[in-house]
Amino acid sequence: MKKFITTFMMMALMAIAIPMFATSADAQTRRYRTRTNATTVYKKPNLYQRHRNLFNIAIGTGAGALLGGLIGGKKGALIGTAVGAGGSALYTYKLNPKTKRYYRAYR
């Protein structure tokens, strides 16, 4: 029963922590002038958008280690870490690649 309670608490913490990473601050804007003296403002991508691959792989690795540890102890945690990292890397890079591109403004 303790394992289920611990698993539920960890998932609840992740559910709270992930949206905190995805928030962006309004002060993260850049300004530049073009030849027509018009000012264009664009927002800097937030932390999750900039490091999406790293976050996804870290979460997958942690989840794999947690499940492997619950199922098979220390050796299971090691195997779960490898499987979680591999699976989340496959998902991040092949199944759900980043499609949003950021281009430099031409002057």
N, C-alpha and C. Protein backbone atom coordinates (compact mmCIF):
# COMPACT_ATOMS: atom_id res chain seq x y z
N MET A 1 0.83 -1.20 0.00
CA MET A 1 0.00 0.00 0.00
C MET A 1 0.87 1.26 0.00
N LYS A 2 2.03 1.19 0.68
CA LYS A 2 2.91 2.35 0.73
C LYS A 2 3.44 2.70 -0.65
N LYS A 3 3.69 1.67 -1.47
CA LYS A 3 4.20 1.92 -2.82
C LYS A 3 3.18 2.67 -3.66
N PHE A 4 1.93 2.31 -3.54
CA PHE A 4 0.89 2.99 -4.30
C PHE A 4 0.70 4.44 -3.85
N ILE A 5 0.77 4.67 -2.57
CA ILE A 5 0.65 6.03 -2.05
C ILE A 5 1.83 6.88 -2.50
N THR A 6 3.04 6.31 -2.45
CA THR A 6 4.23 7.03 -2.89
C THR A 6 4.16 7.33 -4.38
N THR A 7 3.73 6.37 -5.17
CA THR A 7 3.58 6.58 -6.61
C THR A 7 2.57 7.68 -6.89
N PHE A 8 1.44 7.66 -6.21
CA PHE A 8 0.43 8.68 -6.41
C PHE A 8 0.95 10.07 -6.03
N MET A 9 1.69 10.14 -4.92
CA MET A 9 2.24 11.44 -4.50
C MET A 9 3.26 11.96 -5.51
N MET A 10 4.10 11.09 -6.06
CA MET A 10 5.08 11.52 -7.06
C MET A 10 4.40 12.01 -8.33
N MET A 11 3.37 11.33 -8.77
CA MET A 11 2.64 11.76 -9.96
C MET A 11 1.93 13.09 -9.70
N ALA A 12 1.41 13.28 -8.50
CA ALA A 12 0.77 14.55 -8.16
C ALA A 12 1.78 15.69 -8.17
N LEU A 13 2.98 15.44 -7.64
CA LEU A 13 4.03 16.47 -7.67
C LEU A 13 4.43 16.81 -9.09
N MET A 14 4.56 15.80 -9.95
CA MET A 14 4.90 16.07 -11.35
C MET A 14 3.80 16.85 -12.05
N ALA A 15 2.54 16.54 -11.74
CA ALA A 15 1.43 17.25 -12.35
C ALA A 15 1.41 18.72 -11.95
N ILE A 16 1.92 19.02 -10.77
CA ILE A 16 1.97 20.41 -10.32
C ILE A 16 3.22 21.10 -10.87
N ALA A 17 4.35 20.40 -10.93
CA ALA A 17 5.61 21.02 -11.31
C ALA A 17 5.72 21.30 -12.80
N ILE A 18 5.18 20.46 -13.65
CA ILE A 18 5.34 20.64 -15.09
C ILE A 18 4.69 21.93 -15.59
N PRO A 19 3.46 22.29 -15.19
CA PRO A 19 2.92 23.57 -15.65
C PRO A 19 3.71 24.79 -15.15
N MET A 20 4.42 24.64 -14.04
CA MET A 20 5.22 25.75 -13.54
C MET A 20 6.38 26.03 -14.47
N PHE A 21 6.94 24.98 -15.11
CA PHE A 21 8.02 25.19 -16.06
C PHE A 21 7.52 25.84 -17.34
N ALA A 22 6.28 25.59 -17.68
CA ALA A 22 5.76 26.03 -18.97
C ALA A 22 5.31 27.50 -18.96
N THR A 23 5.25 28.15 -17.82
CA THR A 23 4.81 29.53 -17.79
C THR A 23 5.92 30.45 -18.28
N SER A 24 5.53 31.52 -18.92
CA SER A 24 6.53 32.46 -19.42
C SER A 24 6.31 33.82 -18.76
N ALA A 25 7.38 34.54 -18.63
CA ALA A 25 7.31 35.87 -18.03
C ALA A 25 7.08 36.90 -19.13
N ASP A 26 6.36 37.96 -18.81
CA ASP A 26 6.09 39.00 -19.79
C ASP A 26 7.32 39.86 -20.08
N ALA A 27 8.30 39.82 -19.20
CA ALA A 27 9.49 40.63 -19.40
C ALA A 27 10.44 40.04 -20.43
N GLN A 28 10.13 38.85 -20.92
CA GLN A 28 11.02 38.19 -21.86
C GLN A 28 10.70 38.60 -23.29
N THR A 29 10.80 39.87 -23.60
CA THR A 29 10.55 40.34 -24.95
C THR A 29 11.79 41.01 -25.51
N ARG A 30 11.89 41.02 -26.80
CA ARG A 30 13.01 41.65 -27.48
C ARG A 30 12.47 42.72 -28.42
N ARG A 31 13.22 43.78 -28.57
CA ARG A 31 12.82 44.85 -29.48
C ARG A 31 13.97 45.15 -30.42
N TYR A 32 13.63 45.46 -31.66
CA TYR A 32 14.65 45.90 -32.60
C TYR A 32 14.01 46.85 -33.59
N ARG A 33 14.82 47.66 -34.21
CA ARG A 33 14.33 48.64 -35.16
C ARG A 33 14.66 48.20 -36.57
N THR A 34 13.72 48.43 -37.46
CA THR A 34 13.95 48.15 -38.87
C THR A 34 14.20 49.46 -39.60
N ARG A 35 14.36 49.40 -40.89
CA ARG A 35 14.66 50.61 -41.66
C ARG A 35 13.50 51.60 -41.70
N THR A 36 12.31 51.15 -41.45
CA THR A 36 11.16 52.05 -41.47
C THR A 36 10.88 52.65 -40.09
N ASN A 37 11.78 52.44 -39.13
CA ASN A 37 11.64 52.93 -37.76
C ASN A 37 10.44 52.35 -37.03
N ALA A 38 9.93 51.25 -37.50
CA ALA A 38 8.85 50.58 -36.79
C ALA A 38 9.48 49.59 -35.81
N THR A 39 8.92 49.51 -34.62
CA THR A 39 9.45 48.61 -33.61
C THR A 39 8.63 47.32 -33.64
N THR A 40 9.32 46.22 -33.76
CA THR A 40 8.66 44.92 -33.75
C THR A 40 9.02 44.23 -32.44
N VAL A 41 8.02 43.68 -31.78
CA VAL A 41 8.22 43.02 -30.50
C VAL A 41 7.86 41.55 -30.66
N TYR A 42 8.73 40.68 -30.19
CA TYR A 42 8.40 39.26 -30.16
C TYR A 42 8.82 38.69 -28.82
N LYS A 43 8.12 37.67 -28.39
CA LYS A 43 8.40 37.07 -27.09
C LYS A 43 9.44 35.97 -27.22
N LYS A 44 10.31 35.91 -26.25
CA LYS A 44 11.30 34.85 -26.17
C LYS A 44 10.58 33.56 -25.78
N PRO A 45 10.92 32.43 -26.39
CA PRO A 45 10.26 31.18 -26.01
C PRO A 45 10.50 30.86 -24.53
N ASN A 46 9.49 30.28 -23.89
CA ASN A 46 9.63 29.99 -22.47
C ASN A 46 10.59 28.82 -22.23
N LEU A 47 10.84 28.52 -20.99
CA LEU A 47 11.84 27.53 -20.61
C LEU A 47 11.52 26.15 -21.18
N TYR A 48 10.26 25.75 -21.11
CA TYR A 48 9.90 24.43 -21.63
C TYR A 48 10.08 24.37 -23.14
N GLN A 49 9.70 25.43 -23.85
CA GLN A 49 9.85 25.43 -25.31
C GLN A 49 11.31 25.39 -25.73
N ARG A 50 12.18 26.03 -24.97
CA ARG A 50 13.60 26.04 -25.32
C ARG A 50 14.26 24.70 -25.02
N HIS A 51 13.84 24.02 -23.95
CA HIS A 51 14.49 22.79 -23.52
C HIS A 51 13.51 21.63 -23.49
N ARG A 52 12.62 21.58 -24.46
CA ARG A 52 11.56 20.57 -24.49
C ARG A 52 12.12 19.15 -24.52
N ASN A 53 13.12 18.92 -25.34
CA ASN A 53 13.69 17.58 -25.46
C ASN A 53 14.29 17.12 -24.13
N LEU A 54 15.01 17.99 -23.48
CA LEU A 54 15.65 17.63 -22.21
C LEU A 54 14.60 17.30 -21.14
N PHE A 55 13.56 18.12 -21.04
CA PHE A 55 12.51 17.87 -20.05
C PHE A 55 11.80 16.55 -20.32
N ASN A 56 11.46 16.29 -21.59
CA ASN A 56 10.75 15.06 -21.91
C ASN A 56 11.58 13.83 -21.60
N ILE A 57 12.86 13.86 -21.92
CA ILE A 57 13.71 12.71 -21.64
C ILE A 57 13.91 12.53 -20.14
N ALA A 58 14.07 13.63 -19.41
CA ALA A 58 14.24 13.54 -17.96
C ALA A 58 13.00 12.98 -17.27
N ILE A 59 11.84 13.40 -17.71
CA ILE A 59 10.60 12.89 -17.11
C ILE A 59 10.43 11.41 -17.43
N GLY A 60 10.71 11.01 -18.67
CA GLY A 60 10.61 9.60 -19.04
C GLY A 60 11.60 8.73 -18.27
N THR A 61 12.81 9.24 -18.09
CA THR A 61 13.83 8.50 -17.34
C THR A 61 13.41 8.34 -15.88
N GLY A 62 12.92 9.40 -15.28
CA GLY A 62 12.47 9.33 -13.89
C GLY A 62 11.29 8.39 -13.70
N ALA A 63 10.35 8.44 -14.64
CA ALA A 63 9.20 7.54 -14.54
C ALA A 63 9.62 6.09 -14.71
N GLY A 64 10.54 5.83 -15.65
CA GLY A 64 11.04 4.47 -15.83
C GLY A 64 11.78 3.97 -14.60
N ALA A 65 12.58 4.83 -13.99
CA ALA A 65 13.31 4.44 -12.78
C ALA A 65 12.35 4.18 -11.63
N LEU A 66 11.32 4.99 -11.52
CA LEU A 66 10.33 4.81 -10.45
C LEU A 66 9.59 3.49 -10.61
N LEU A 67 9.09 3.23 -11.81
CA LEU A 67 8.36 1.99 -12.02
C LEU A 67 9.27 0.77 -11.91
N GLY A 68 10.48 0.86 -12.47
CA GLY A 68 11.41 -0.24 -12.36
C GLY A 68 11.81 -0.52 -10.93
N GLY A 69 11.98 0.54 -10.14
CA GLY A 69 12.32 0.37 -8.73
C GLY A 69 11.19 -0.26 -7.94
N LEU A 70 9.96 0.11 -8.27
CA LEU A 70 8.81 -0.48 -7.57
C LEU A 70 8.64 -1.95 -7.93
N ILE A 71 8.94 -2.28 -9.17
CA ILE A 71 8.72 -3.65 -9.62
C ILE A 71 9.90 -4.56 -9.27
N GLY A 72 11.15 -4.08 -9.53
CA GLY A 72 12.27 -5.00 -9.41
C GLY A 72 13.39 -4.58 -8.49
N GLY A 73 13.20 -3.60 -7.66
CA GLY A 73 14.26 -3.19 -6.74
C GLY A 73 15.35 -2.40 -7.44
N LYS A 74 16.59 -2.54 -6.95
CA LYS A 74 17.70 -1.74 -7.49
C LYS A 74 18.01 -2.09 -8.94
N LYS A 75 18.06 -3.37 -9.23
CA LYS A 75 18.34 -3.78 -10.61
C LYS A 75 17.20 -3.36 -11.54
N GLY A 76 15.99 -3.46 -11.07
CA GLY A 76 14.84 -3.03 -11.87
C GLY A 76 14.85 -1.54 -12.11
N ALA A 77 15.33 -0.76 -11.13
CA ALA A 77 15.41 0.69 -11.30
C ALA A 77 16.43 1.04 -12.38
N LEU A 78 17.52 0.31 -12.41
CA LEU A 78 18.54 0.54 -13.44
C LEU A 78 18.01 0.20 -14.82
N ILE A 79 17.34 -0.92 -14.94
CA ILE A 79 16.75 -1.31 -16.22
C ILE A 79 15.64 -0.33 -16.61
N GLY A 80 14.82 0.05 -15.65
CA GLY A 80 13.74 1.01 -15.92
C GLY A 80 14.27 2.35 -16.36
N THR A 81 15.40 2.78 -15.81
CA THR A 81 16.01 4.04 -16.22
C THR A 81 16.43 3.98 -17.68
N ALA A 82 17.07 2.89 -18.07
CA ALA A 82 17.50 2.74 -19.46
C ALA A 82 16.31 2.68 -20.41
N VAL A 83 15.31 1.91 -20.05
CA VAL A 83 14.14 1.78 -20.90
C VAL A 83 13.37 3.10 -20.98
N GLY A 84 13.23 3.79 -19.86
CA GLY A 84 12.53 5.08 -19.85
C GLY A 84 13.25 6.13 -20.68
N ALA A 85 14.58 6.18 -20.56
CA ALA A 85 15.35 7.15 -21.35
C ALA A 85 15.25 6.83 -22.84
N GLY A 86 15.35 5.56 -23.18
CA GLY A 86 15.25 5.17 -24.59
C GLY A 86 13.88 5.45 -25.17
N GLY A 87 12.86 5.10 -24.43
CA GLY A 87 11.49 5.33 -24.91
C GLY A 87 11.14 6.80 -25.04
N SER A 88 11.55 7.59 -24.08
CA SER A 88 11.24 9.02 -24.15
C SER A 88 12.07 9.71 -25.24
N ALA A 89 13.30 9.25 -25.48
CA ALA A 89 14.09 9.81 -26.57
C ALA A 89 13.46 9.46 -27.92
N LEU A 90 12.99 8.24 -28.05
CA LEU A 90 12.30 7.83 -29.27
C LEU A 90 11.06 8.68 -29.50
N TYR A 91 10.30 8.90 -28.46
CA TYR A 91 9.10 9.73 -28.57
C TYR A 91 9.45 11.17 -28.94
N THR A 92 10.45 11.74 -28.25
CA THR A 92 10.79 13.14 -28.45
C THR A 92 11.36 13.41 -29.83
N TYR A 93 12.26 12.56 -30.29
CA TYR A 93 12.97 12.85 -31.53
C TYR A 93 12.30 12.28 -32.78
N LYS A 94 11.59 11.17 -32.67
CA LYS A 94 11.03 10.53 -33.86
C LYS A 94 9.51 10.65 -33.96
N LEU A 95 8.80 10.36 -32.89
CA LEU A 95 7.35 10.32 -32.96
C LEU A 95 6.69 11.68 -32.84
N ASN A 96 7.30 12.59 -32.09
CA ASN A 96 6.71 13.91 -31.88
C ASN A 96 7.80 14.98 -32.01
N PRO A 97 8.33 15.17 -33.22
CA PRO A 97 9.42 16.15 -33.36
C PRO A 97 8.91 17.59 -33.22
N LYS A 98 9.82 18.47 -32.88
CA LYS A 98 9.49 19.88 -32.73
C LYS A 98 9.21 20.46 -34.11
N THR A 99 8.06 21.11 -34.29
CA THR A 99 7.70 21.64 -35.60
C THR A 99 7.79 23.16 -35.65
N LYS A 100 7.88 23.80 -34.52
CA LYS A 100 7.93 25.26 -34.50
C LYS A 100 9.35 25.72 -34.75
N ARG A 101 9.52 26.58 -35.73
CA ARG A 101 10.84 27.08 -36.09
C ARG A 101 10.91 28.56 -35.77
N TYR A 102 12.08 29.00 -35.31
CA TYR A 102 12.31 30.41 -35.03
C TYR A 102 13.36 30.91 -36.00
N TYR A 103 13.01 31.93 -36.76
CA TYR A 103 13.93 32.48 -37.75
C TYR A 103 14.37 33.87 -37.31
N ARG A 104 15.58 34.23 -37.70
CA ARG A 104 16.05 35.59 -37.43
C ARG A 104 15.35 36.56 -38.35
N ALA A 105 15.10 37.75 -37.84
CA ALA A 105 14.46 38.78 -38.66
C ALA A 105 15.48 39.36 -39.62
N TYR A 106 15.04 39.55 -40.86
CA TYR A 106 15.93 40.14 -41.86
C TYR A 106 15.89 41.65 -41.73
N ARG A 107 17.04 42.27 -41.90
CA ARG A 107 17.09 43.71 -41.77
C ARG A 107 17.24 44.38 -43.09
